[in-house]
PDB file of all heavy atoms in Angstrom:
ATOM      1  N   TYR A   1       0.828  -1.205   0.000  1.00  0.00           N
ATOM      2  CA  TYR A   1       0.000   0.000   0.000  1.00  0.00           C
ATOM      3  C   TYR A   1       0.861   1.254   0.000  1.00  0.00           C
ATOM      4  O   TYR A   1       0.520   2.250  -0.648  1.00  0.00           O
ATOM      5  CB  TYR A   1      -0.930   0.026   1.227  1.00  0.00           C
ATOM      6  CG  TYR A   1      -2.037  -0.984   1.167  1.00  0.00           C
ATOM      7  CD1 TYR A   1      -1.996  -2.140   1.932  1.00  0.00           C
ATOM      8  CD2 TYR A   1      -3.119  -0.774   0.338  1.00  0.00           C
ATOM      9  CE1 TYR A   1      -3.019  -3.073   1.878  1.00  0.00           C
ATOM     10  CE2 TYR A   1      -4.147  -1.700   0.266  1.00  0.00           C
ATOM     11  CZ  TYR A   1      -4.091  -2.842   1.042  1.00  0.00           C
ATOM     12  OH  TYR A   1      -5.102  -3.758   0.978  1.00  0.00           O
ATOM     13  N   GLY A   2       1.958   1.225   0.685  1.00  0.00           N
ATOM     14  CA  GLY A   2       2.831   2.397   0.777  1.00  0.00           C
ATOM     15  C   GLY A   2       3.367   2.804  -0.583  1.00  0.00           C
ATOM     16  O   GLY A   2       3.372   3.991  -0.945  1.00  0.00           O
ATOM     17  N   ASN A   3       3.831   1.828  -1.358  1.00  0.00           N
ATOM     18  CA  ASN A   3       4.343   2.139  -2.697  1.00  0.00           C
ATOM     19  C   ASN A   3       3.247   2.674  -3.601  1.00  0.00           C
ATOM     20  O   ASN A   3       3.465   3.595  -4.395  1.00  0.00           O
ATOM     21  CB  ASN A   3       4.974   0.891  -3.331  1.00  0.00           C
ATOM     22  CG  ASN A   3       6.287   0.528  -2.662  1.00  0.00           C
ATOM     23  OD1 ASN A   3       6.921   1.372  -2.029  1.00  0.00           O
ATOM     24  ND2 ASN A   3       6.681  -0.723  -2.805  1.00  0.00           N
ATOM     25  N   PHE A   4       2.047   2.108  -3.504  1.00  0.00           N
ATOM     26  CA  PHE A   4       0.923   2.553  -4.325  1.00  0.00           C
ATOM     27  C   PHE A   4       0.545   3.993  -3.988  1.00  0.00           C
ATOM     28  O   PHE A   4       0.368   4.835  -4.880  1.00  0.00           O
ATOM     29  CB  PHE A   4      -0.270   1.621  -4.116  1.00  0.00           C
ATOM     30  CG  PHE A   4      -1.474   2.015  -4.900  1.00  0.00           C
ATOM     31  CD1 PHE A   4      -1.495   1.867  -6.274  1.00  0.00           C
ATOM     32  CD2 PHE A   4      -2.586   2.533  -4.262  1.00  0.00           C
ATOM     33  CE1 PHE A   4      -2.610   2.234  -7.007  1.00  0.00           C
ATOM     34  CE2 PHE A   4      -3.697   2.908  -4.983  1.00  0.00           C
ATOM     35  CZ  PHE A   4      -3.709   2.751  -6.353  1.00  0.00           C
ATOM     36  N   ILE A   5       0.446   4.297  -2.709  1.00  0.00           N
ATOM     37  CA  ILE A   5       0.090   5.658  -2.282  1.00  0.00           C
ATOM     38  C   ILE A   5       1.191   6.640  -2.684  1.00  0.00           C
ATOM     39  O   ILE A   5       0.903   7.750  -3.160  1.00  0.00           O
ATOM     40  CB  ILE A   5      -0.172   5.701  -0.760  1.00  0.00           C
ATOM     41  CG1 ILE A   5      -1.448   4.899  -0.446  1.00  0.00           C
ATOM     42  CG2 ILE A   5      -0.306   7.123  -0.260  1.00  0.00           C
ATOM     43  CD1 ILE A   5      -1.704   4.688   1.026  1.00  0.00           C
ATOM     44  N   GLN A   6       2.425   6.250  -2.535  1.00  0.00           N
ATOM     45  CA  GLN A   6       3.539   7.115  -2.927  1.00  0.00           C
ATOM     46  C   GLN A   6       3.514   7.387  -4.428  1.00  0.00           C
ATOM     47  O   GLN A   6       3.771   8.510  -4.867  1.00  0.00           O
ATOM     48  CB  GLN A   6       4.874   6.481  -2.529  1.00  0.00           C
ATOM     49  CG  GLN A   6       6.076   7.352  -2.820  1.00  0.00           C
ATOM     50  CD  GLN A   6       6.070   8.630  -1.989  1.00  0.00           C
ATOM     51  OE1 GLN A   6       5.687   8.615  -0.825  1.00  0.00           O
ATOM     52  NE2 GLN A   6       6.479   9.728  -2.600  1.00  0.00           N
ATOM     53  N   SER A   7       3.185   6.390  -5.223  1.00  0.00           N
ATOM     54  CA  SER A   7       3.089   6.571  -6.673  1.00  0.00           C
ATOM     55  C   SER A   7       1.977   7.552  -7.030  1.00  0.00           C
ATOM     56  O   SER A   7       2.136   8.404  -7.913  1.00  0.00           O
ATOM     57  CB  SER A   7       2.836   5.241  -7.373  1.00  0.00           C
ATOM     58  OG  SER A   7       3.923   4.379  -7.181  1.00  0.00           O
ATOM     59  N   ILE A   8       0.851   7.452  -6.342  1.00  0.00           N
ATOM     60  CA  ILE A   8      -0.256   8.380  -6.595  1.00  0.00           C
ATOM     61  C   ILE A   8       0.141   9.800  -6.224  1.00  0.00           C
ATOM     62  O   ILE A   8      -0.111  10.758  -6.973  1.00  0.00           O
ATOM     63  CB  ILE A   8      -1.518   7.935  -5.825  1.00  0.00           C
ATOM     64  CG1 ILE A   8      -2.066   6.647  -6.432  1.00  0.00           C
ATOM     65  CG2 ILE A   8      -2.573   9.028  -5.840  1.00  0.00           C
ATOM     66  CD1 ILE A   8      -3.237   6.068  -5.678  1.00  0.00           C
ATOM     67  N   VAL A   9       0.783   9.966  -5.078  1.00  0.00           N
ATOM     68  CA  VAL A   9       1.213  11.297  -4.644  1.00  0.00           C
ATOM     69  C   VAL A   9       2.216  11.878  -5.635  1.00  0.00           C
ATOM     70  O   VAL A   9       2.115  13.043  -6.026  1.00  0.00           O
ATOM     71  CB  VAL A   9       1.804  11.243  -3.214  1.00  0.00           C
ATOM     72  CG1 VAL A   9       2.477  12.553  -2.838  1.00  0.00           C
ATOM     73  CG2 VAL A   9       0.710  10.891  -2.208  1.00  0.00           C
ATOM     74  N   ASN A  10       3.170  11.073  -6.070  1.00  0.00           N
ATOM     75  CA  ASN A  10       4.151  11.550  -7.058  1.00  0.00           C
ATOM     76  C   ASN A  10       3.467  11.966  -8.358  1.00  0.00           C
ATOM     77  O   ASN A  10       3.796  12.997  -8.942  1.00  0.00           O
ATOM     78  CB  ASN A  10       5.191  10.466  -7.348  1.00  0.00           C
ATOM     79  CG  ASN A  10       6.165  10.284  -6.202  1.00  0.00           C
ATOM     80  OD1 ASN A  10       6.305  11.165  -5.354  1.00  0.00           O
ATOM     81  ND2 ASN A  10       6.826   9.150  -6.182  1.00  0.00           N
ATOM     82  N   PHE A  11       2.503  11.166  -8.812  1.00  0.00           N
ATOM     83  CA  PHE A  11       1.778  11.498 -10.027  1.00  0.00           C
ATOM     84  C   PHE A  11       1.042  12.828  -9.881  1.00  0.00           C
ATOM     85  O   PHE A  11       1.068  13.677 -10.783  1.00  0.00           O
ATOM     86  CB  PHE A  11       0.789  10.385 -10.373  1.00  0.00           C
ATOM     87  CG  PHE A  11      -0.072  10.706 -11.547  1.00  0.00           C
ATOM     88  CD1 PHE A  11       0.418  10.604 -12.836  1.00  0.00           C
ATOM     89  CD2 PHE A  11      -1.383  11.121 -11.362  1.00  0.00           C
ATOM     90  CE1 PHE A  11      -0.375  10.908 -13.925  1.00  0.00           C
ATOM     91  CE2 PHE A  11      -2.185  11.427 -12.445  1.00  0.00           C
ATOM     92  CZ  PHE A  11      -1.678  11.322 -13.726  1.00  0.00           C
ATOM     93  N   LEU A  12       0.375  13.035  -8.748  1.00  0.00           N
ATOM     94  CA  LEU A  12      -0.368  14.278  -8.537  1.00  0.00           C
ATOM     95  C   LEU A  12       0.559  15.487  -8.483  1.00  0.00           C
ATOM     96  O   LEU A  12       0.248  16.544  -9.034  1.00  0.00           O
ATOM     97  CB  LEU A  12      -1.207  14.183  -7.257  1.00  0.00           C
ATOM     98  CG  LEU A  12      -2.365  13.184  -7.298  1.00  0.00           C
ATOM     99  CD1 LEU A  12      -3.033  13.090  -5.942  1.00  0.00           C
ATOM    100  CD2 LEU A  12      -3.365  13.578  -8.375  1.00  0.00           C
ATOM    101  N   ILE A  13       1.703  15.338  -7.830  1.00  0.00           N
ATOM    102  CA  ILE A  13       2.651  16.450  -7.741  1.00  0.00           C
ATOM    103  C   ILE A  13       3.199  16.791  -9.121  1.00  0.00           C
ATOM    104  O   ILE A  13       3.218  17.961  -9.527  1.00  0.00           O
ATOM    105  CB  ILE A  13       3.791  16.117  -6.756  1.00  0.00           C
ATOM    106  CG1 ILE A  13       3.253  16.072  -5.323  1.00  0.00           C
ATOM    107  CG2 ILE A  13       4.919  17.131  -6.875  1.00  0.00           C
ATOM    108  CD1 ILE A  13       4.241  15.561  -4.311  1.00  0.00           C
ATOM    109  N   ILE A  14       3.620  15.808  -9.867  1.00  0.00           N
ATOM    110  CA  ILE A  14       4.187  16.049 -11.203  1.00  0.00           C
ATOM    111  C   ILE A  14       3.111  16.584 -12.146  1.00  0.00           C
ATOM    112  O   ILE A  14       3.338  17.543 -12.896  1.00  0.00           O
ATOM    113  CB  ILE A  14       4.832  14.762 -11.762  1.00  0.00           C
ATOM    114  CG1 ILE A  14       6.065  14.414 -10.923  1.00  0.00           C
ATOM    115  CG2 ILE A  14       5.199  14.933 -13.228  1.00  0.00           C
ATOM    116  CD1 ILE A  14       6.642  13.055 -11.226  1.00  0.00           C
ATOM    117  N   GLY A  15       1.922  16.004 -12.090  1.00  0.00           N
ATOM    118  CA  GLY A  15       0.830  16.459 -12.950  1.00  0.00           C
ATOM    119  C   GLY A  15       0.445  17.899 -12.670  1.00  0.00           C
ATOM    120  O   GLY A  15       0.252  18.694 -13.596  1.00  0.00           O
ATOM    121  N   SER A  16       0.332  18.265 -11.401  1.00  0.00           N
ATOM    122  CA  SER A  16      -0.038  19.643 -11.068  1.00  0.00           C
ATOM    123  C   SER A  16       1.073  20.609 -11.442  1.00  0.00           C
ATOM    124  O   SER A  16       0.811  21.736 -11.883  1.00  0.00           O
ATOM    125  CB  SER A  16      -0.405  19.768  -9.586  1.00  0.00           C
ATOM    126  OG  SER A  16       0.699  19.419  -8.787  1.00  0.00           O
ATOM    127  N   SER A  17       2.328  20.197 -11.296  1.00  0.00           N
ATOM    128  CA  SER A  17       3.446  21.052 -11.697  1.00  0.00           C
ATOM    129  C   SER A  17       3.429  21.317 -13.196  1.00  0.00           C
ATOM    130  O   SER A  17       3.600  22.459 -13.645  1.00  0.00           O
ATOM    131  CB  SER A  17       4.777  20.417 -11.316  1.00  0.00           C
ATOM    132  OG  SER A  17       4.869  20.234  -9.933  1.00  0.00           O
ATOM    133  N   VAL A  18       3.208  20.289 -13.989  1.00  0.00           N
ATOM    134  CA  VAL A  18       3.142  20.456 -15.446  1.00  0.00           C
ATOM    135  C   VAL A  18       1.962  21.340 -15.817  1.00  0.00           C
ATOM    136  O   VAL A  18       2.070  22.229 -16.663  1.00  0.00           O
ATOM    137  CB  VAL A  18       3.065  19.080 -16.148  1.00  0.00           C
ATOM    138  CG1 VAL A  18       2.749  19.239 -17.627  1.00  0.00           C
ATOM    139  CG2 VAL A  18       4.356  18.319 -15.946  1.00  0.00           C
ATOM    140  N   TYR A  19       0.811  21.132 -15.164  1.00  0.00           N
ATOM    141  CA  TYR A  19      -0.380  21.935 -15.440  1.00  0.00           C
ATOM    142  C   TYR A  19      -0.121  23.407 -15.144  1.00  0.00           C
ATOM    143  O   TYR A  19      -0.437  24.279 -15.964  1.00  0.00           O
ATOM    144  CB  TYR A  19      -1.561  21.417 -14.621  1.00  0.00           C
ATOM    145  CG  TYR A  19      -2.791  22.266 -14.721  1.00  0.00           C
ATOM    146  CD1 TYR A  19      -3.589  22.227 -15.854  1.00  0.00           C
ATOM    147  CD2 TYR A  19      -3.153  23.119 -13.687  1.00  0.00           C
ATOM    148  CE1 TYR A  19      -4.718  23.009 -15.960  1.00  0.00           C
ATOM    149  CE2 TYR A  19      -4.275  23.909 -13.780  1.00  0.00           C
ATOM    150  CZ  TYR A  19      -5.060  23.856 -14.909  1.00  0.00           C
ATOM    151  OH  TYR A  19      -6.177  24.644 -14.999  1.00  0.00           O
ATOM    152  N   LEU A  20       0.451  23.710 -13.985  1.00  0.00           N
ATOM    153  CA  LEU A  20       0.722  25.103 -13.622  1.00  0.00           C
ATOM    154  C   LEU A  20       1.752  25.729 -14.554  1.00  0.00           C
ATOM    155  O   LEU A  20       1.628  26.902 -14.934  1.00  0.00           O
ATOM    156  CB  LEU A  20       1.191  25.183 -12.167  1.00  0.00           C
ATOM    157  CG  LEU A  20       0.126  24.858 -11.128  1.00  0.00           C
ATOM    158  CD1 LEU A  20       0.738  24.840  -9.733  1.00  0.00           C
ATOM    159  CD2 LEU A  20      -1.014  25.846 -11.193  1.00  0.00           C
ATOM    160  N   PHE A  21       2.747  24.969 -14.962  1.00  0.00           N
ATOM    161  CA  PHE A  21       3.745  25.491 -15.895  1.00  0.00           C
ATOM    162  C   PHE A  21       3.104  25.833 -17.230  1.00  0.00           C
ATOM    163  O   PHE A  21       3.377  26.880 -17.820  1.00  0.00           O
ATOM    164  CB  PHE A  21       4.867  24.467 -16.087  1.00  0.00           C
ATOM    165  CG  PHE A  21       5.888  24.887 -17.094  1.00  0.00           C
ATOM    166  CD1 PHE A  21       6.819  25.866 -16.786  1.00  0.00           C
ATOM    167  CD2 PHE A  21       5.903  24.324 -18.356  1.00  0.00           C
ATOM    168  CE1 PHE A  21       7.763  26.269 -17.726  1.00  0.00           C
ATOM    169  CE2 PHE A  21       6.833  24.712 -19.294  1.00  0.00           C
ATOM    170  CZ  PHE A  21       7.769  25.692 -18.979  1.00  0.00           C
ATOM    171  N   MET A  22       2.225  24.960 -17.715  1.00  0.00           N
ATOM    172  CA  MET A  22       1.568  25.223 -18.995  1.00  0.00           C
ATOM    173  C   MET A  22       0.631  26.425 -18.897  1.00  0.00           C
ATOM    174  O   MET A  22       0.532  27.213 -19.837  1.00  0.00           O
ATOM    175  CB  MET A  22       0.795  23.981 -19.456  1.00  0.00           C
ATOM    176  CG  MET A  22       1.690  22.808 -19.814  1.00  0.00           C
ATOM    177  SD  MET A  22       2.938  23.202 -21.054  1.00  0.00           S
ATOM    178  CE  MET A  22       1.905  23.471 -22.466  1.00  0.00           C
ATOM    179  N   ARG A  23      -0.053  26.589 -17.770  1.00  0.00           N
ATOM    180  CA  ARG A  23      -0.916  27.761 -17.595  1.00  0.00           C
ATOM    181  C   ARG A  23      -0.082  29.037 -17.591  1.00  0.00           C
ATOM    182  O   ARG A  23      -0.462  30.039 -18.203  1.00  0.00           O
ATOM    183  CB  ARG A  23      -1.687  27.664 -16.270  1.00  0.00           C
ATOM    184  CG  ARG A  23      -2.748  26.613 -16.198  1.00  0.00           C
ATOM    185  CD  ARG A  23      -4.130  27.097 -16.550  1.00  0.00           C
ATOM    186  NE  ARG A  23      -4.479  28.388 -16.054  1.00  0.00           N
ATOM    187  CZ  ARG A  23      -5.506  28.654 -15.270  1.00  0.00           C
ATOM    188  NH1 ARG A  23      -6.282  27.687 -14.865  1.00  0.00           N
ATOM    189  NH2 ARG A  23      -5.782  29.878 -14.908  1.00  0.00           N
ATOM    190  N   LEU A  24       1.059  29.005 -16.917  1.00  0.00           N
ATOM    191  CA  LEU A  24       1.942  30.168 -16.882  1.00  0.00           C
ATOM    192  C   LEU A  24       2.442  30.489 -18.282  1.00  0.00           C
ATOM    193  O   LEU A  24       2.430  31.650 -18.708  1.00  0.00           O
ATOM    194  CB  LEU A  24       3.126  29.899 -15.954  1.00  0.00           C
ATOM    195  CG  LEU A  24       4.207  30.969 -15.908  1.00  0.00           C
ATOM    196  CD1 LEU A  24       3.661  32.244 -15.293  1.00  0.00           C
ATOM    197  CD2 LEU A  24       5.403  30.480 -15.127  1.00  0.00           C
ATOM    198  N   PHE A  25       2.861  29.485 -19.014  1.00  0.00           N
ATOM    199  CA  PHE A  25       3.353  29.680 -20.381  1.00  0.00           C
ATOM    200  C   PHE A  25       2.257  30.268 -21.263  1.00  0.00           C
ATOM    201  O   PHE A  25       2.489  31.196 -22.032  1.00  0.00           O
ATOM    202  CB  PHE A  25       3.845  28.345 -20.941  1.00  0.00           C
ATOM    203  CG  PHE A  25       4.382  28.443 -22.331  1.00  0.00           C
ATOM    204  CD1 PHE A  25       5.620  29.002 -22.569  1.00  0.00           C
ATOM    205  CD2 PHE A  25       3.639  27.997 -23.407  1.00  0.00           C
ATOM    206  CE1 PHE A  25       6.125  29.105 -23.852  1.00  0.00           C
ATOM    207  CE2 PHE A  25       4.126  28.092 -24.690  1.00  0.00           C
ATOM    208  CZ  PHE A  25       5.369  28.649 -24.914  1.00  0.00           C
ATOM    209  N   GLU A  26       1.035  29.736 -21.146  1.00  0.00           N
ATOM    210  CA  GLU A  26      -0.081  30.232 -21.948  1.00  0.00           C
ATOM    211  C   GLU A  26      -0.404  31.683 -21.602  1.00  0.00           C
ATOM    212  O   GLU A  26      -0.652  32.507 -22.488  1.00  0.00           O
ATOM    213  CB  GLU A  26      -1.310  29.351 -21.718  1.00  0.00           C
ATOM    214  CG  GLU A  26      -2.510  29.759 -22.543  1.00  0.00           C
ATOM    215  CD  GLU A  26      -3.720  28.878 -22.268  1.00  0.00           C
ATOM    216  OE1 GLU A  26      -3.634  27.990 -21.406  1.00  0.00           O
ATOM    217  OE2 GLU A  26      -4.742  29.105 -22.916  1.00  0.00           O
ATOM    218  N   THR A  27      -0.376  32.018 -20.322  1.00  0.00           N
ATOM    219  CA  THR A  27      -0.650  33.388 -19.898  1.00  0.00           C
ATOM    220  C   THR A  27       0.393  34.343 -20.454  1.00  0.00           C
ATOM    221  O   THR A  27       0.047  35.416 -20.972  1.00  0.00           O
ATOM    222  CB  THR A  27      -0.667  33.477 -18.356  1.00  0.00           C
ATOM    223  OG1 THR A  27      -1.644  32.562 -17.857  1.00  0.00           O
ATOM    224  CG2 THR A  27      -0.986  34.875 -17.893  1.00  0.00           C
ATOM    225  N   LEU A  28       1.655  33.974 -20.368  1.00  0.00           N
ATOM    226  CA  LEU A  28       2.712  34.829 -20.893  1.00  0.00           C
ATOM    227  C   LEU A  28       2.603  34.982 -22.403  1.00  0.00           C
ATOM    228  O   LEU A  28       2.798  36.074 -22.944  1.00  0.00           O
ATOM    229  CB  LEU A  28       4.081  34.272 -20.503  1.00  0.00           C
ATOM    230  CG  LEU A  28       4.419  34.304 -19.017  1.00  0.00           C
ATOM    231  CD1 LEU A  28       5.747  33.617 -18.762  1.00  0.00           C
ATOM    232  CD2 LEU A  28       4.444  35.728 -18.500  1.00  0.00           C
ATOM    233  N   PHE A  29       2.282  33.900 -23.095  1.00  0.00           N
ATOM    234  CA  PHE A  29       2.143  33.952 -24.544  1.00  0.00           C
ATOM    235  C   PHE A  29       0.981  34.864 -24.938  1.00  0.00           C
ATOM    236  O   PHE A  29       1.107  35.683 -25.847  1.00  0.00           O
ATOM    237  CB  PHE A  29       1.929  32.547 -25.098  1.00  0.00           C
ATOM    238  CG  PHE A  29       1.802  32.505 -26.581  1.00  0.00           C
ATOM    239  CD1 PHE A  29       2.917  32.671 -27.387  1.00  0.00           C
ATOM    240  CD2 PHE A  29       0.568  32.318 -27.178  1.00  0.00           C
ATOM    241  CE1 PHE A  29       2.808  32.639 -28.756  1.00  0.00           C
ATOM    242  CE2 PHE A  29       0.446  32.278 -28.547  1.00  0.00           C
ATOM    243  CZ  PHE A  29       1.566  32.444 -29.347  1.00  0.00           C
ATOM    244  N   ASN A  30      -0.160  34.732 -24.240  1.00  0.00           N
ATOM    245  CA  ASN A  30      -1.319  35.573 -24.546  1.00  0.00           C
ATOM    246  C   ASN A  30      -1.032  37.037 -24.254  1.00  0.00           C
ATOM    247  O   ASN A  30      -1.460  37.919 -24.995  1.00  0.00           O
ATOM    248  CB  ASN A  30      -2.541  35.110 -23.762  1.00  0.00           C
ATOM    249  CG  ASN A  30      -3.099  33.808 -24.288  1.00  0.00           C
ATOM    250  OD1 ASN A  30      -2.837  33.434 -25.426  1.00  0.00           O
ATOM    251  ND2 ASN A  30      -3.860  33.116 -23.464  1.00  0.00           N
TER     252      ASN A  30
END
């Protein structure tokens, strides 16, 4: 269970980081 939960947390952190970076890039481009 620990590895599974850690994988989910890592996925959420990386996914949210990529999402925020893309929003920032889009805002600057616009």
